[in-house]
Amino acid sequence: MESKRHIVKPLEGGIVDRISPLLKCEKPFLGPDSFNELNLILQNNTDERFEGLLEITPPYGWTLEPGNSLMIAIRPQKFVLAEFYLSVPTGPLETSHF
């Protein structure tokens, strides 16, 4: 079976039509240099199992714990939740990021 690399971006006709991402921060954001708990929910909108390596690439200076890679598998029409912690630097950012 051929391995394909997909980058989840909100592009029309892209993989987001098949795998819907939702990022949730359920607690107040603690601010710079503090680790904030985030949940990434991935919904499989297809009738096929989806599996692969999830890679999150934060902007320079931002820190993800426990890391930026996670193996995932999502059954058809189901979802998976990935929990991680994010810390942003105290200095000004060159560009805005969500």
N, C-alpha and C. Protein backbone atom coordinates (compact mmCIF):
# COMPACT_ATOMS: atom_id res chain seq x y z
N MET A 1 0.85 -1.17 0.00
CA MET A 1 0.00 0.00 0.00
C MET A 1 0.89 1.24 0.00
N GLU A 2 0.59 2.19 -0.84
CA GLU A 2 1.38 3.41 -0.97
C GLU A 2 1.09 4.37 0.17
N SER A 3 2.14 4.92 0.76
CA SER A 3 2.00 5.89 1.85
C SER A 3 1.90 7.29 1.27
N LYS A 4 0.94 8.07 1.77
CA LYS A 4 0.74 9.44 1.29
C LYS A 4 0.91 10.39 2.46
N ARG A 5 1.47 11.56 2.20
CA ARG A 5 1.62 12.59 3.23
C ARG A 5 0.56 13.65 2.97
N HIS A 6 -0.23 13.95 3.99
CA HIS A 6 -1.28 14.96 3.88
C HIS A 6 -1.01 16.04 4.90
N ILE A 7 -1.19 17.26 4.51
CA ILE A 7 -1.09 18.39 5.43
C ILE A 7 -2.49 18.95 5.61
N VAL A 8 -2.96 18.97 6.86
CA VAL A 8 -4.32 19.44 7.14
C VAL A 8 -4.32 20.95 7.14
N LYS A 9 -4.94 21.50 6.14
CA LYS A 9 -5.12 22.95 6.02
C LYS A 9 -6.53 23.19 5.52
N PRO A 10 -7.11 24.33 5.84
CA PRO A 10 -8.47 24.59 5.38
C PRO A 10 -8.52 25.00 3.91
N LEU A 11 -8.10 24.10 3.02
CA LEU A 11 -8.14 24.35 1.59
C LEU A 11 -9.33 23.60 0.99
N GLU A 12 -10.10 24.26 0.16
CA GLU A 12 -11.25 23.63 -0.46
C GLU A 12 -10.81 22.39 -1.24
N GLY A 13 -11.49 21.28 -0.99
CA GLY A 13 -11.16 20.04 -1.67
C GLY A 13 -9.98 19.31 -1.07
N GLY A 14 -9.39 19.85 0.00
CA GLY A 14 -8.24 19.22 0.63
C GLY A 14 -8.66 18.14 1.59
N ILE A 15 -7.68 17.63 2.35
CA ILE A 15 -7.96 16.54 3.28
C ILE A 15 -8.92 16.97 4.39
N VAL A 16 -9.06 18.26 4.65
CA VAL A 16 -9.98 18.72 5.70
C VAL A 16 -11.42 18.32 5.38
N ASP A 17 -11.74 18.11 4.10
CA ASP A 17 -13.07 17.61 3.76
C ASP A 17 -13.27 16.20 4.30
N ARG A 18 -12.17 15.46 4.48
CA ARG A 18 -12.25 14.09 4.97
C ARG A 18 -11.92 13.97 6.44
N ILE A 19 -10.97 14.75 6.93
CA ILE A 19 -10.57 14.76 8.34
C ILE A 19 -10.74 16.19 8.85
N SER A 20 -11.70 16.40 9.74
CA SER A 20 -11.98 17.74 10.26
C SER A 20 -11.25 17.96 11.57
N PRO A 21 -10.38 18.99 11.65
CA PRO A 21 -9.69 19.29 12.91
C PRO A 21 -10.46 20.33 13.73
N LEU A 22 -10.43 20.18 15.05
CA LEU A 22 -11.01 21.16 15.96
C LEU A 22 -10.05 21.31 17.14
N LEU A 23 -9.59 22.51 17.39
CA LEU A 23 -8.67 22.79 18.49
C LEU A 23 -9.44 23.45 19.62
N LYS A 24 -9.34 22.87 20.83
CA LYS A 24 -10.08 23.40 21.98
C LYS A 24 -9.14 23.69 23.13
N CYS A 25 -9.35 24.82 23.76
CA CYS A 25 -8.67 25.19 25.00
C CYS A 25 -9.78 25.39 26.02
N GLU A 26 -9.96 24.41 26.91
CA GLU A 26 -11.11 24.43 27.81
C GLU A 26 -10.88 25.26 29.07
N LYS A 27 -9.64 25.62 29.35
CA LYS A 27 -9.32 26.43 30.52
C LYS A 27 -8.80 27.79 30.06
N PRO A 28 -8.85 28.81 30.92
CA PRO A 28 -8.29 30.11 30.52
C PRO A 28 -6.82 29.97 30.13
N PHE A 29 -6.42 30.67 29.07
CA PHE A 29 -5.04 30.63 28.60
C PHE A 29 -4.16 31.33 29.63
N LEU A 30 -3.11 30.66 30.09
CA LEU A 30 -2.28 31.17 31.18
C LEU A 30 -1.26 32.21 30.75
N GLY A 31 -1.07 32.39 29.48
CA GLY A 31 -0.15 33.41 29.00
C GLY A 31 1.22 32.86 28.67
N PRO A 32 2.14 33.77 28.31
CA PRO A 32 3.48 33.37 27.88
C PRO A 32 4.25 32.59 28.94
N ASP A 33 5.10 31.68 28.45
CA ASP A 33 5.99 30.85 29.28
C ASP A 33 5.25 29.97 30.28
N SER A 34 3.98 29.74 30.09
CA SER A 34 3.19 28.80 30.89
C SER A 34 2.65 27.74 29.96
N PHE A 35 2.57 26.51 30.43
CA PHE A 35 2.02 25.45 29.59
C PHE A 35 0.50 25.42 29.72
N ASN A 36 -0.16 25.50 28.57
CA ASN A 36 -1.61 25.53 28.49
C ASN A 36 -2.10 24.23 27.87
N GLU A 37 -3.09 23.59 28.51
CA GLU A 37 -3.62 22.33 28.01
C GLU A 37 -4.54 22.59 26.81
N LEU A 38 -4.28 21.89 25.72
CA LEU A 38 -5.09 21.99 24.51
C LEU A 38 -5.54 20.61 24.07
N ASN A 39 -6.70 20.54 23.43
CA ASN A 39 -7.22 19.30 22.87
C ASN A 39 -7.39 19.48 21.37
N LEU A 40 -6.86 18.56 20.62
CA LEU A 40 -7.05 18.54 19.18
C LEU A 40 -7.96 17.36 18.87
N ILE A 41 -9.14 17.65 18.33
CA ILE A 41 -10.11 16.62 17.98
C ILE A 41 -10.09 16.47 16.46
N LEU A 42 -9.88 15.24 16.00
CA LEU A 42 -9.86 14.95 14.57
C LEU A 42 -11.04 14.04 14.26
N GLN A 43 -11.93 14.48 13.37
CA GLN A 43 -13.13 13.74 12.98
C GLN A 43 -12.91 13.13 11.60
N ASN A 44 -13.08 11.82 11.49
CA ASN A 44 -12.97 11.13 10.20
C ASN A 44 -14.35 11.17 9.55
N ASN A 45 -14.48 11.90 8.45
CA ASN A 45 -15.76 12.06 7.76
C ASN A 45 -15.94 11.05 6.63
N THR A 46 -15.10 10.03 6.58
CA THR A 46 -15.16 9.05 5.48
C THR A 46 -15.66 7.71 5.99
N ASP A 47 -15.84 6.79 5.07
CA ASP A 47 -16.24 5.43 5.40
C ASP A 47 -15.04 4.49 5.43
N GLU A 48 -13.84 5.05 5.51
CA GLU A 48 -12.62 4.25 5.57
C GLU A 48 -11.80 4.62 6.80
N ARG A 49 -11.09 3.63 7.32
CA ARG A 49 -10.18 3.87 8.46
C ARG A 49 -9.05 4.79 8.00
N PHE A 50 -8.68 5.74 8.86
CA PHE A 50 -7.59 6.65 8.56
C PHE A 50 -6.53 6.46 9.63
N GLU A 51 -5.29 6.25 9.22
CA GLU A 51 -4.21 6.13 10.18
C GLU A 51 -2.96 6.76 9.64
N GLY A 52 -2.13 7.24 10.54
CA GLY A 52 -0.89 7.87 10.12
C GLY A 52 -0.23 8.62 11.26
N LEU A 53 0.80 9.34 10.92
CA LEU A 53 1.55 10.13 11.88
C LEU A 53 1.05 11.56 11.85
N LEU A 54 0.56 12.04 12.99
CA LEU A 54 0.12 13.42 13.12
C LEU A 54 1.33 14.24 13.53
N GLU A 55 1.67 15.25 12.74
CA GLU A 55 2.77 16.14 13.07
C GLU A 55 2.25 17.56 13.19
N ILE A 56 2.53 18.18 14.32
CA ILE A 56 2.12 19.56 14.56
C ILE A 56 3.40 20.40 14.53
N THR A 57 3.42 21.43 13.69
CA THR A 57 4.59 22.28 13.57
C THR A 57 4.26 23.67 14.13
N PRO A 58 4.68 23.91 15.38
CA PRO A 58 4.39 25.22 15.98
C PRO A 58 5.33 26.29 15.43
N PRO A 59 4.96 27.55 15.55
CA PRO A 59 5.86 28.64 15.15
C PRO A 59 7.15 28.60 15.97
N TYR A 60 8.19 29.23 15.45
CA TYR A 60 9.49 29.27 16.13
C TYR A 60 9.34 29.83 17.54
N GLY A 61 9.94 29.15 18.50
CA GLY A 61 9.91 29.60 19.89
C GLY A 61 8.77 29.03 20.71
N TRP A 62 7.75 28.45 20.05
CA TRP A 62 6.64 27.84 20.76
C TRP A 62 7.05 26.42 21.13
N THR A 63 6.57 25.91 22.26
CA THR A 63 6.94 24.58 22.72
C THR A 63 5.70 23.72 22.90
N LEU A 64 5.75 22.48 22.37
CA LEU A 64 4.69 21.50 22.54
C LEU A 64 5.20 20.37 23.42
N GLU A 65 4.40 19.94 24.37
CA GLU A 65 4.71 18.78 25.20
C GLU A 65 3.54 17.82 25.10
N PRO A 66 3.72 16.55 24.96
CA PRO A 66 4.96 15.81 25.09
C PRO A 66 5.80 15.75 23.82
N GLY A 67 5.40 16.40 22.76
CA GLY A 67 6.16 16.41 21.51
C GLY A 67 5.25 16.82 20.38
N ASN A 68 5.79 16.85 19.15
CA ASN A 68 4.97 17.31 18.03
C ASN A 68 4.57 16.20 17.08
N SER A 69 4.79 14.93 17.45
CA SER A 69 4.40 13.80 16.61
C SER A 69 3.60 12.78 17.40
N LEU A 70 2.57 12.23 16.77
CA LEU A 70 1.70 11.26 17.43
C LEU A 70 1.11 10.33 16.38
N MET A 71 1.21 9.03 16.61
CA MET A 71 0.57 8.06 15.71
C MET A 71 -0.93 8.07 16.03
N ILE A 72 -1.76 8.15 15.00
CA ILE A 72 -3.21 8.15 15.21
C ILE A 72 -3.87 7.13 14.29
N ALA A 73 -5.03 6.68 14.69
CA ALA A 73 -5.91 5.84 13.87
C ALA A 73 -7.33 6.24 14.21
N ILE A 74 -8.12 6.50 13.17
CA ILE A 74 -9.50 6.93 13.38
C ILE A 74 -10.42 6.02 12.57
N ARG A 75 -11.36 5.40 13.24
CA ARG A 75 -12.32 4.53 12.55
C ARG A 75 -13.26 5.38 11.68
N PRO A 76 -13.91 4.76 10.72
CA PRO A 76 -14.82 5.50 9.84
C PRO A 76 -15.92 6.23 10.63
N GLN A 77 -16.14 7.47 10.28
CA GLN A 77 -17.19 8.31 10.87
C GLN A 77 -17.02 8.50 12.39
N LYS A 78 -15.80 8.36 12.90
CA LYS A 78 -15.53 8.54 14.34
C LYS A 78 -14.50 9.65 14.52
N PHE A 79 -14.10 9.87 15.77
CA PHE A 79 -13.12 10.91 16.05
C PHE A 79 -12.09 10.41 17.05
N VAL A 80 -10.98 11.15 17.14
CA VAL A 80 -9.93 10.86 18.11
C VAL A 80 -9.53 12.19 18.76
N LEU A 81 -9.14 12.13 20.03
CA LEU A 81 -8.75 13.31 20.78
C LEU A 81 -7.27 13.20 21.14
N ALA A 82 -6.51 14.23 20.81
CA ALA A 82 -5.09 14.30 21.19
C ALA A 82 -4.93 15.45 22.17
N GLU A 83 -4.39 15.15 23.35
CA GLU A 83 -4.15 16.17 24.37
C GLU A 83 -2.68 16.55 24.36
N PHE A 84 -2.41 17.83 24.44
CA PHE A 84 -1.03 18.29 24.53
C PHE A 84 -0.98 19.62 25.25
N TYR A 85 0.24 20.06 25.55
CA TYR A 85 0.45 21.32 26.26
C TYR A 85 1.26 22.26 25.37
N LEU A 86 0.88 23.52 25.35
CA LEU A 86 1.52 24.52 24.50
C LEU A 86 2.02 25.68 25.35
N SER A 87 3.26 26.09 25.08
CA SER A 87 3.83 27.27 25.72
C SER A 87 4.29 28.22 24.63
N VAL A 88 3.94 29.49 24.77
CA VAL A 88 4.36 30.51 23.79
C VAL A 88 5.38 31.42 24.47
N PRO A 89 6.30 32.01 23.69
CA PRO A 89 7.35 32.86 24.29
C PRO A 89 6.78 34.18 24.82
N THR A 90 7.56 34.83 25.67
CA THR A 90 7.13 36.11 26.26
C THR A 90 7.33 37.28 25.31
N GLY A 91 8.28 37.18 24.40
CA GLY A 91 8.56 38.29 23.48
C GLY A 91 7.49 38.46 22.43
N PRO A 92 7.50 39.59 21.72
CA PRO A 92 6.52 39.83 20.67
C PRO A 92 6.71 38.85 19.51
N LEU A 93 5.61 38.52 18.86
CA LEU A 93 5.64 37.61 17.72
C LEU A 93 5.78 38.41 16.45
N GLU A 94 6.50 37.84 15.49
CA GLU A 94 6.67 38.52 14.21
C GLU A 94 5.39 38.52 13.39
N THR A 95 4.59 37.46 13.56
CA THR A 95 3.30 37.35 12.87
C THR A 95 2.28 36.83 13.86
N SER A 96 1.00 36.96 13.56
CA SER A 96 -0.03 36.42 14.44
C SER A 96 -0.27 34.95 14.10
N HIS A 97 -0.62 34.15 15.12
CA HIS A 97 -0.86 32.72 14.95
C HIS A 97 -2.06 32.31 15.77
N PHE A 98 -2.85 31.39 15.25
CA PHE A 98 -3.92 30.75 16.00
C PHE A 98 -3.60 29.29 16.08
